[in-house]
PDB file of N, CA and C in Angstrom:
ATOM      1  N   MET A   1     -69.475  59.336 361.276  1.00  0.00           N
ATOM      2  CA  MET A   1     -70.127  60.255 360.364  1.00  0.00           C
ATOM      3  C   MET A   1     -70.457  61.531 361.128  1.00  0.00           C
ATOM      4  N   ASP A   2     -70.033  62.654 360.618  1.00  0.00           N
ATOM      5  CA  ASP A   2     -70.343  63.951 361.207  1.00  0.00           C
ATOM      6  C   ASP A   2     -71.658  64.462 360.634  1.00  0.00           C
ATOM      7  N   VAL A   3     -72.489  65.029 361.487  1.00  0.00           N
ATOM      8  CA  VAL A   3     -73.755  65.609 361.064  1.00  0.00           C
ATOM      9  C   VAL A   3     -73.810  67.026 361.600  1.00  0.00           C
ATOM     10  N   TYR A   4     -74.238  67.959 360.763  1.00  0.00           N
ATOM     11  CA  TYR A   4     -74.330  69.362 361.153  1.00  0.00           C
ATOM     12  C   TYR A   4     -75.745  69.842 360.898  1.00  0.00           C
ATOM     13  N   LYS A   5     -76.286  70.582 361.830  1.00  0.00           N
ATOM     14  CA  LYS A   5     -77.586  71.213 361.649  1.00  0.00           C
ATOM     15  C   LYS A   5     -77.349  72.712 361.636  1.00  0.00           C
ATOM     16  N   LEU A   6     -77.737  73.351 360.548  1.00  0.00           N
ATOM     17  CA  LEU A   6     -77.476  74.779 360.392  1.00  0.00           C
ATOM     18  C   LEU A   6     -78.756  75.505 360.001  1.00  0.00           C
ATOM     19  N   ASN A   7     -78.920  76.678 360.486  1.00  0.00           N
ATOM     20  CA  ASN A   7     -79.962  77.569 360.001  1.00  0.00           C
ATOM     21  C   ASN A   7     -79.289  78.614 359.142  1.00  0.00           C
ATOM     22  N   THR A   8     -79.670  78.687 357.899  1.00  0.00           N
ATOM     23  CA  THR A   8     -79.078  79.642 356.978  1.00  0.00           C
ATOM     24  C   THR A   8     -80.141  80.106 356.003  1.00  0.00           C
ATOM     25  N   ARG A   9     -79.785  80.939 355.086  1.00  0.00           N
ATOM     26  CA  ARG A   9     -80.734  81.490 354.117  1.00  0.00           C
ATOM     27  C   ARG A   9     -80.223  81.211 352.718  1.00  0.00           C
ATOM     28  N   VAL A  10     -81.145  80.845 351.835  1.00  0.00           N
ATOM     29  CA  VAL A  10     -80.813  80.676 350.430  1.00  0.00           C
ATOM     30  C   VAL A  10     -80.909  82.057 349.788  1.00  0.00           C
ATOM     31  N   SER A  11     -79.841  82.478 349.113  1.00  0.00           N
ATOM     32  CA  SER A  11     -79.836  83.807 348.504  1.00  0.00           C
ATOM     33  C   SER A  11     -80.782  83.852 347.301  1.00  0.00           C
ATOM     34  N   LYS A  12     -81.047  85.037 346.800  1.00  0.00           N
ATOM     35  CA  LYS A  12     -81.919  85.191 345.631  1.00  0.00           C
ATOM     36  C   LYS A  12     -81.362  84.456 344.420  1.00  0.00           C
ATOM     37  N   SER A  13     -80.046  84.311 344.368  1.00  0.00           N
ATOM     38  CA  SER A  13     -79.427  83.592 343.249  1.00  0.00           C
ATOM     39  C   SER A  13     -79.375  82.083 343.497  1.00  0.00           C
ATOM     40  N   GLY A  14     -79.839  81.613 344.660  1.00  0.00           N
ATOM     41  CA  GLY A  14     -79.884  80.190 344.956  1.00  0.00           C
ATOM     42  C   GLY A  14     -78.660  79.667 345.665  1.00  0.00           C
ATOM     43  N   THR A  15     -77.832  80.540 346.171  1.00  0.00           N
ATOM     44  CA  THR A  15     -76.609  80.133 346.847  1.00  0.00           C
ATOM     45  C   THR A  15     -76.863  79.935 348.337  1.00  0.00           C
ATOM     46  N   ILE A  16     -76.294  78.875 348.881  1.00  0.00           N
ATOM     47  CA  ILE A  16     -76.340  78.634 350.321  1.00  0.00           C
ATOM     48  C   ILE A  16     -74.938  78.859 350.858  1.00  0.00           C
ATOM     49  N   THR A  17     -74.813  79.734 351.833  1.00  0.00           N
ATOM     50  CA  THR A  17     -73.517  80.018 352.437  1.00  0.00           C
ATOM     51  C   THR A  17     -73.473  79.404 353.823  1.00  0.00           C
ATOM     52  N   LEU A  18     -72.427  78.634 354.068  1.00  0.00           N
ATOM     53  CA  LEU A  18     -72.264  78.058 355.396  1.00  0.00           C
ATOM     54  C   LEU A  18     -71.806  79.144 356.354  1.00  0.00           C
ATOM     55  N   PRO A  19     -72.385  79.200 357.554  1.00  0.00           N
ATOM     56  CA  PRO A  19     -72.057  80.280 358.475  1.00  0.00           C
ATOM     57  C   PRO A  19     -70.647  80.212 359.048  1.00  0.00           C
ATOM     58  N   TYR A  20     -70.004  79.082 359.032  1.00  0.00           N
ATOM     59  CA  TYR A  20     -68.628  78.973 359.522  1.00  0.00           C
ATOM     60  C   TYR A  20     -67.958  77.803 358.807  1.00  0.00           C
ATOM     61  N   ASP A  21     -66.660  77.728 358.928  1.00  0.00           N
ATOM     62  CA  ASP A  21     -65.883  76.716 358.212  1.00  0.00           C
ATOM     63  C   ASP A  21     -66.082  75.342 358.834  1.00  0.00           C
ATOM     64  N   LEU A  22     -66.595  74.408 358.051  1.00  0.00           N
ATOM     65  CA  LEU A  22     -66.825  73.049 358.528  1.00  0.00           C
ATOM     66  C   LEU A  22     -65.854  72.059 357.892  1.00  0.00           C
ATOM     67  N   ASN A  23     -64.845  72.566 357.217  1.00  0.00           N
ATOM     68  CA  ASN A  23     -63.880  71.718 356.512  1.00  0.00           C
ATOM     69  C   ASN A  23     -64.568  70.789 355.519  1.00  0.00           C
ATOM     70  N   LEU A  24     -65.520  71.323 354.770  1.00  0.00           N
ATOM     71  CA  LEU A  24     -66.246  70.546 353.772  1.00  0.00           C
ATOM     72  C   LEU A  24     -65.845  70.929 352.350  1.00  0.00           C
ATOM     73  N   HIS A  25     -64.795  71.723 352.193  1.00  0.00           N
ATOM     74  CA  HIS A  25     -64.366  72.149 350.864  1.00  0.00           C
ATOM     75  C   HIS A  25     -63.973  70.942 350.023  1.00  0.00           C
ATOM     76  N   ASP A  26     -64.499  70.901 348.808  1.00  0.00           N
ATOM     77  CA  ASP A  26     -64.174  69.871 347.821  1.00  0.00           C
ATOM     78  C   ASP A  26     -64.543  68.465 348.313  1.00  0.00           C
ATOM     79  N   LYS A  27     -65.653  68.358 349.102  1.00  0.00           N
ATOM     80  CA  LYS A  27     -66.129  67.062 349.569  1.00  0.00           C
ATOM     81  C   LYS A  27     -67.578  66.895 349.136  1.00  0.00           C
ATOM     82  N   GLU A  28     -67.985  65.666 348.889  1.00  0.00           N
ATOM     83  CA  GLU A  28     -69.384  65.395 348.583  1.00  0.00           C
ATOM     84  C   GLU A  28     -70.178  65.394 349.885  1.00  0.00           C
ATOM     85  N   VAL A  29     -71.357  65.995 349.841  1.00  0.00           N
ATOM     86  CA  VAL A  29     -72.223  66.059 351.016  1.00  0.00           C
ATOM     87  C   VAL A  29     -73.647  65.723 350.607  1.00  0.00           C
ATOM     88  N   LYS A  30     -74.445  65.312 351.560  1.00  0.00           N
ATOM     89  CA  LYS A  30     -75.872  65.121 351.330  1.00  0.00           C
ATOM     90  C   LYS A  30     -76.574  66.308 351.963  1.00  0.00           C
ATOM     91  N   LEU A  31     -77.408  66.979 351.193  1.00  0.00           N
ATOM     92  CA  LEU A  31     -78.070  68.187 351.664  1.00  0.00           C
ATOM     93  C   LEU A  31     -79.568  67.932 351.733  1.00  0.00           C
ATOM     94  N   ILE A  32     -80.147  68.130 352.893  1.00  0.00           N
ATOM     95  CA  ILE A  32     -81.589  68.023 353.090  1.00  0.00           C
ATOM     96  C   ILE A  32     -82.090  69.423 353.396  1.00  0.00           C
ATOM     97  N   ILE A  33     -83.059  69.895 352.637  1.00  0.00           N
ATOM     98  CA  ILE A  33     -83.556  71.257 352.826  1.00  0.00           C
ATOM     99  C   ILE A  33     -84.948  71.195 353.449  1.00  0.00           C
ATOM    100  N   LEU A  34     -85.102  71.866 354.558  1.00  0.00           N
ATOM    101  CA  LEU A  34     -86.373  71.938 355.259  1.00  0.00           C
ATOM    102  C   LEU A  34     -86.744  73.404 355.396  1.00  0.00           C
ATOM    103  N   PRO A  35     -87.636  73.902 354.536  1.00  0.00           N
ATOM    104  CA  PRO A  35     -88.016  75.316 354.625  1.00  0.00           C
ATOM    105  C   PRO A  35     -88.698  75.608 355.963  1.00  0.00           C
ATOM    106  N   LEU A  36     -88.352  76.719 356.565  1.00  0.00           N
ATOM    107  CA  LEU A  36     -88.973  77.134 357.821  1.00  0.00           C
ATOM    108  C   LEU A  36     -90.232  77.911 357.487  1.00  0.00           C
ATOM    109  N   ASN A  37     -91.353  77.460 357.992  1.00  0.00           N
ATOM    110  CA  ASN A  37     -92.617  78.139 357.759  1.00  0.00           C
ATOM    111  C   ASN A  37     -92.929  78.965 359.002  1.00  0.00           C
ATOM    112  N   LYS A  38     -92.661  80.233 358.955  1.00  0.00           N
ATOM    113  CA  LYS A  38     -92.813  81.096 360.130  1.00  0.00           C
ATOM    114  C   LYS A  38     -94.265  81.264 360.542  1.00  0.00           C
ATOM    115  N   GLN A  39     -95.214  81.033 359.621  1.00  0.00           N
ATOM    116  CA  GLN A  39     -96.617  81.184 359.974  1.00  0.00           C
ATOM    117  C   GLN A  39     -97.082  80.091 360.927  1.00  0.00           C
ATOM    118  N   LYS A  40     -96.437  78.929 360.917  1.00  0.00           N
ATOM    119  CA  LYS A  40     -96.834  77.846 361.795  1.00  0.00           C
ATOM    120  C   LYS A  40     -96.247  77.979 363.187  1.00  0.00           C
ATOM    121  N   MET A  41     -95.323  78.909 363.371  1.00  0.00           N
ATOM    122  CA  MET A  41     -94.720  79.097 364.684  1.00  0.00           C
ATOM    123  C   MET A  41     -95.776  79.648 365.632  1.00  0.00           C
ATOM    124  N   LYS A  42     -95.666  79.275 366.897  1.00  0.00           N
ATOM    125  CA  LYS A  42     -96.643  79.730 367.875  1.00  0.00           C
ATOM    126  C   LYS A  42     -96.528  81.229 368.093  1.00  0.00           C
ATOM    127  N   THR A  43     -97.672  81.855 368.157  1.00  0.00           N
ATOM    128  CA  THR A  43     -97.726  83.259 368.521  1.00  0.00           C
ATOM    129  C   THR A  43     -98.371  83.352 369.888  1.00  0.00           C
ATOM    130  N   GLU A  44     -98.365  84.513 370.455  1.00  0.00           N
ATOM    131  CA  GLU A  44     -98.954  84.667 371.788  1.00  0.00           C
ATOM    132  C   GLU A  44    -100.431  84.321 371.780  1.00  0.00           C
ATOM    133  N   LYS A  45    -101.110  84.513 370.644  1.00  0.00           N
ATOM    134  CA  LYS A  45    -102.529  84.192 370.565  1.00  0.00           C
ATOM    135  C   LYS A  45    -102.760  82.691 370.686  1.00  0.00           C
ATOM    136  N   ASN A  46    -101.820  81.873 370.228  1.00  0.00           N
ATOM    137  CA  ASN A  46    -101.983  80.431 370.237  1.00  0.00           C
ATOM    138  C   ASN A  46    -101.603  79.795 371.568  1.00  0.00           C
ATOM    139  N   VAL A  47    -100.927  80.514 372.432  1.00  0.00           N
ATOM    140  CA  VAL A  47    -100.470  79.957 373.702  1.00  0.00           C
ATOM    141  C   VAL A  47    -101.607  80.042 374.714  1.00  0.00           C
ATOM    142  N   GLN A  48    -101.884  78.933 375.379  1.00  0.00           N
ATOM    143  CA  GLN A  48    -102.950  78.898 376.376  1.00  0.00           C
ATOM    144  C   GLN A  48    -102.354  78.678 377.758  1.00  0.00           C
ATOM    145  N   ASN A  49    -102.962  79.316 378.743  1.00  0.00           N
ATOM    146  CA  ASN A  49    -102.557  78.985 380.104  1.00  0.00           C
ATOM    147  C   ASN A  49    -103.447  77.854 380.606  1.00  0.00           C
ATOM    148  N   ALA A  50    -103.154  77.340 381.765  1.00  0.00           N
ATOM    149  CA  ALA A  50    -103.863  76.164 382.281  1.00  0.00           C
ATOM    150  C   ALA A  50    -105.354  76.418 382.452  1.00  0.00           C
ATOM    151  N   ASN A  51    -105.726  77.595 382.951  1.00  0.00           N
ATOM    152  CA  ASN A  51    -107.149  77.880 383.167  1.00  0.00           C
ATOM    153  C   ASN A  51    -107.914  77.949 381.851  1.00  0.00           C
ATOM    154  N   ASP A  52    -107.307  78.539 380.800  1.00  0.00           N
ATOM    155  CA  ASP A  52    -107.965  78.575 379.492  1.00  0.00           C
ATOM    156  C   ASP A  52    -108.161  77.164 378.950  1.00  0.00           C
ATOM    157  N   PHE A  53    -107.158  76.310 379.137  1.00  0.00           N
ATOM    158  CA  PHE A  53    -107.257  74.919 378.688  1.00  0.00           C
ATOM    159  C   PHE A  53    -108.403  74.217 379.415  1.00  0.00           C
ATOM    160  N   ILE A  54    -108.484  74.416 380.726  1.00  0.00           N
ATOM    161  CA  ILE A  54    -109.540  73.767 381.515  1.00  0.00           C
ATOM    162  C   ILE A  54    -110.912  74.259 381.078  1.00  0.00           C
ATOM    163  N   LYS A  55    -111.044  75.569 380.821  1.00  0.00           N
ATOM    164  CA  LYS A  55    -112.326  76.108 380.360  1.00  0.00           C
ATOM    165  C   LYS A  55    -112.705  75.518 379.003  1.00  0.00           C
ATOM    166  N   LYS A  56    -111.721  75.381 378.122  1.00  0.00           N
ATOM    167  CA  LYS A  56    -111.984  74.846 376.788  1.00  0.00           C
ATOM    168  C   LYS A  56    -112.433  73.389 376.870  1.00  0.00           C
ATOM    169  N   TRP A  57    -111.842  72.629 377.752  1.00  0.00           N
ATOM    170  CA  TRP A  57    -112.141  71.209 377.876  1.00  0.00           C
ATOM    171  C   TRP A  57    -112.978  70.936 379.126  1.00  0.00           C
ATOM    172  N   SER A  58    -113.878  71.840 379.445  1.00  0.00           N
ATOM    173  CA  SER A  58    -114.625  71.728 380.695  1.00  0.00           C
ATOM    174  C   SER A  58    -115.445  70.450 380.792  1.00  0.00           C
ATOM    175  N   GLY A  59    -115.864  69.878 379.674  1.00  0.00           N
ATOM    176  CA  GLY A  59    -116.590  68.612 379.721  1.00  0.00           C
ATOM    177  C   GLY A  59    -115.727  67.497 380.278  1.00  0.00           C
ATOM    178  N   ALA A  60    -114.473  67.503 379.909  1.00  0.00           N
ATOM    179  CA  ALA A  60    -113.553  66.474 380.385  1.00  0.00           C
ATOM    180  C   ALA A  60    -113.080  66.764 381.803  1.00  0.00           C
ATOM    181  N   PHE A  61    -113.088  68.033 382.187  1.00  0.00           N
ATOM    182  CA  PHE A  61    -112.614  68.449 383.509  1.00  0.00           C
ATOM    183  C   PHE A  61    -113.749  69.106 384.291  1.00  0.00           C
ATOM    184  N   LYS A  62    -114.908  68.518 384.244  1.00  0.00           N
ATOM    185  CA  LYS A  62    -116.097  69.107 384.851  1.00  0.00           C
ATOM    186  C   LYS A  62    -115.857  69.407 386.330  1.00  0.00           C
ATOM    187  N   GLY A  63    -116.194  70.629 386.734  1.00  0.00           N
ATOM    188  CA  GLY A  63    -116.052  71.051 388.113  1.00  0.00           C
ATOM    189  C   GLY A  63    -114.690  71.621 388.451  1.00  0.00           C
ATOM    190  N   MET A  64    -113.796  71.743 387.471  1.00  0.00           N
ATOM    191  CA  MET A  64    -112.446  72.222 387.752  1.00  0.00           C
ATOM    192  C   MET A  64    -112.206  73.639 387.225  1.00  0.00           C
ATOM    193  N   GLU A  65    -113.256  74.343 386.843  1.00  0.00           N
ATOM    194  CA  GLU A  65    -113.089  75.668 386.247  1.00  0.00           C
ATOM    195  C   GLU A  65    -112.456  76.668 387.200  1.00  0.00           C
ATOM    196  N   ASN A  66    -112.718  76.531 388.494  1.00  0.00           N
ATOM    197  CA  ASN A  66    -112.239  77.503 389.480  1.00  0.00           C
ATOM    198  C   ASN A  66    -111.183  76.926 390.416  1.00  0.00           C
ATOM    199  N   VAL A  67    -110.497  75.892 389.990  1.00  0.00           N
ATOM    200  CA  VAL A  67    -109.473  75.260 390.821  1.00  0.00           C
ATOM    201  C   VAL A  67    -108.241  76.155 390.860  1.00  0.00           C
ATOM    202  N   THR A  68    -107.717  76.366 392.059  1.00  0.00           N
ATOM    203  CA  THR A  68    -106.508  77.180 392.196  1.00  0.00           C
ATOM    204  C   THR A  68    -105.281  76.336 391.879  1.00  0.00           C
ATOM    205  N   ASP A  69    -104.162  76.987 391.666  1.00  0.00           N
ATOM    206  CA  ASP A  69    -102.912  76.280 391.380  1.00  0.00           C
ATOM    207  C   ASP A  69    -102.528  75.362 392.544  1.00  0.00           C
ATOM    208  N   GLU A  70    -102.737  75.834 393.764  1.00  0.00           N
ATOM    209  CA  GLU A  70    -102.400  75.033 394.941  1.00  0.00           C
ATOM    210  C   GLU A  70    -103.263  73.777 395.012  1.00  0.00           C
ATOM    211  N   GLU A  71    -104.566  73.930 394.738  1.00  0.00           N
ATOM    212  CA  GLU A  71    -105.459  72.769 394.749  1.00  0.00           C
ATOM    213  C   GLU A  71    -105.071  71.779 393.644  1.00  0.00           C
ATOM    214  N   LEU A  72    -104.703  72.297 392.479  1.00  0.00           N
ATOM    215  CA  LEU A  72    -104.284  71.445 391.378  1.00  0.00           C
ATOM    216  C   LEU A  72    -103.005  70.682 391.730  1.00  0.00           C
ATOM    217  N   ASP A  73    -102.074  71.361 392.379  1.00  0.00           N
ATOM    218  CA  ASP A  73    -100.847  70.692 392.822  1.00  0.00           C
ATOM    219  C   ASP A  73    -101.164  69.581 393.823  1.00  0.00           C
ATOM    220  N   ASN A  74    -102.099  69.837 394.747  1.00  0.00           N
ATOM    221  CA  ASN A  74    -102.494  68.819 395.724  1.00  0.00           C
ATOM    222  C   ASN A  74    -103.146  67.620 395.038  1.00  0.00           C
ATOM    223  N   MET A  75    -103.971  67.888 394.022  1.00  0.00           N
ATOM    224  CA  MET A  75    -104.604  66.798 393.275  1.00  0.00           C
ATOM    225  C   MET A  75    -103.553  65.944 392.564  1.00  0.00           C
ATOM    226  N   LYS A  76    -102.567  66.604 391.960  1.00  0.00           N
ATOM    227  CA  LYS A  76    -101.487  65.867 391.298  1.00  0.00           C
ATOM    228  C   LYS A  76    -100.727  65.009 392.305  1.00  0.00           C
ATOM    229  N   TYR A  77    -100.438  65.585 393.465  1.00  0.00           N
ATOM    230  CA  TYR A  77     -99.713  64.865 394.510  1.00  0.00           C
ATOM    231  C   TYR A  77    -100.490  63.625 394.952  1.00  0.00           C
ATOM    232  N   GLU A  78    -101.778  63.799 395.207  1.00  0.00           N
ATOM    233  CA  GLU A  78    -102.610  62.677 395.652  1.00  0.00           C
ATOM    234  C   GLU A  78    -102.689  61.600 394.576  1.00  0.00           C
ATOM    235  N   TYR A  79    -102.819  62.010 393.326  1.00  0.00           N
ATOM    236  CA  TYR A  79    -102.866  61.048 392.218  1.00  0.00           C
ATOM    237  C   TYR A  79    -101.584  60.233 392.157  1.00  0.00           C
ATOM    238  N   LEU A  80    -100.438  60.913 392.203  1.00  0.00           N
ATOM    239  CA  LEU A  80     -99.148  60.218 392.124  1.00  0.00           C
ATOM    240  C   LEU A  80     -98.911  59.332 393.345  1.00  0.00           C
ATOM    241  N   LYS A  81     -99.361  59.798 394.513  1.00  0.00           N
ATOM    242  CA  LYS A  81     -99.206  59.012 395.745  1.00  0.00           C
ATOM    243  C   LYS A  81     -99.987  57.703 395.629  1.00  0.00           C
ATOM    244  N   GLU A  82    -101.201  57.768 395.091  1.00  0.00           N
ATOM    245  CA  GLU A  82    -102.015  56.567 394.908  1.00  0.00           C
ATOM    246  C   GLU A  82    -101.421  55.668 393.827  1.00  0.00           C
ATOM    247  N   LYS A  83    -100.933  56.252 392.776  1.00  0.00           N
ATOM    248  CA  LYS A  83    -100.398  55.487 391.651  1.00  0.00           C
ATOM    249  C   LYS A  83     -99.156  54.703 392.049  1.00  0.00           C
ATOM    250  N   TYR A  84     -98.291  55.287 392.875  1.00  0.00           N
ATOM    251  CA  TYR A  84     -97.020  54.650 393.216  1.00  0.00           C
ATOM    252  C   TYR A  84     -96.983  54.147 394.659  1.00  0.00           C
ATOM    253  N   LYS A  85     -98.086  53.613 395.159  1.00  0.00           N
ATOM    254  CA  LYS A  85     -98.138  53.045 396.514  1.00  0.00           C
ATOM    255  C   LYS A  85     -97.190  51.891 396.640  1.00  0.00           C
TER     256      LYS A  85
END
């Protein structure tokens, strides 16, 4: 069974045009329509860096507000080293 995933647009008249020839002329197909909701896509405002995440969850990460990237990498290394002894 061949499966194709395409991003296309439904015209104002309700027509869907395939972007390239898939040899589907005069064949029965199953069509699933998933509208793209552009408002749910991440914007730059929704993206957090690691320090913002730590500040937001400071109760869970108490004392880690000023941890540098190098210190965080060392903590990860030590954790994994202990876990996989």
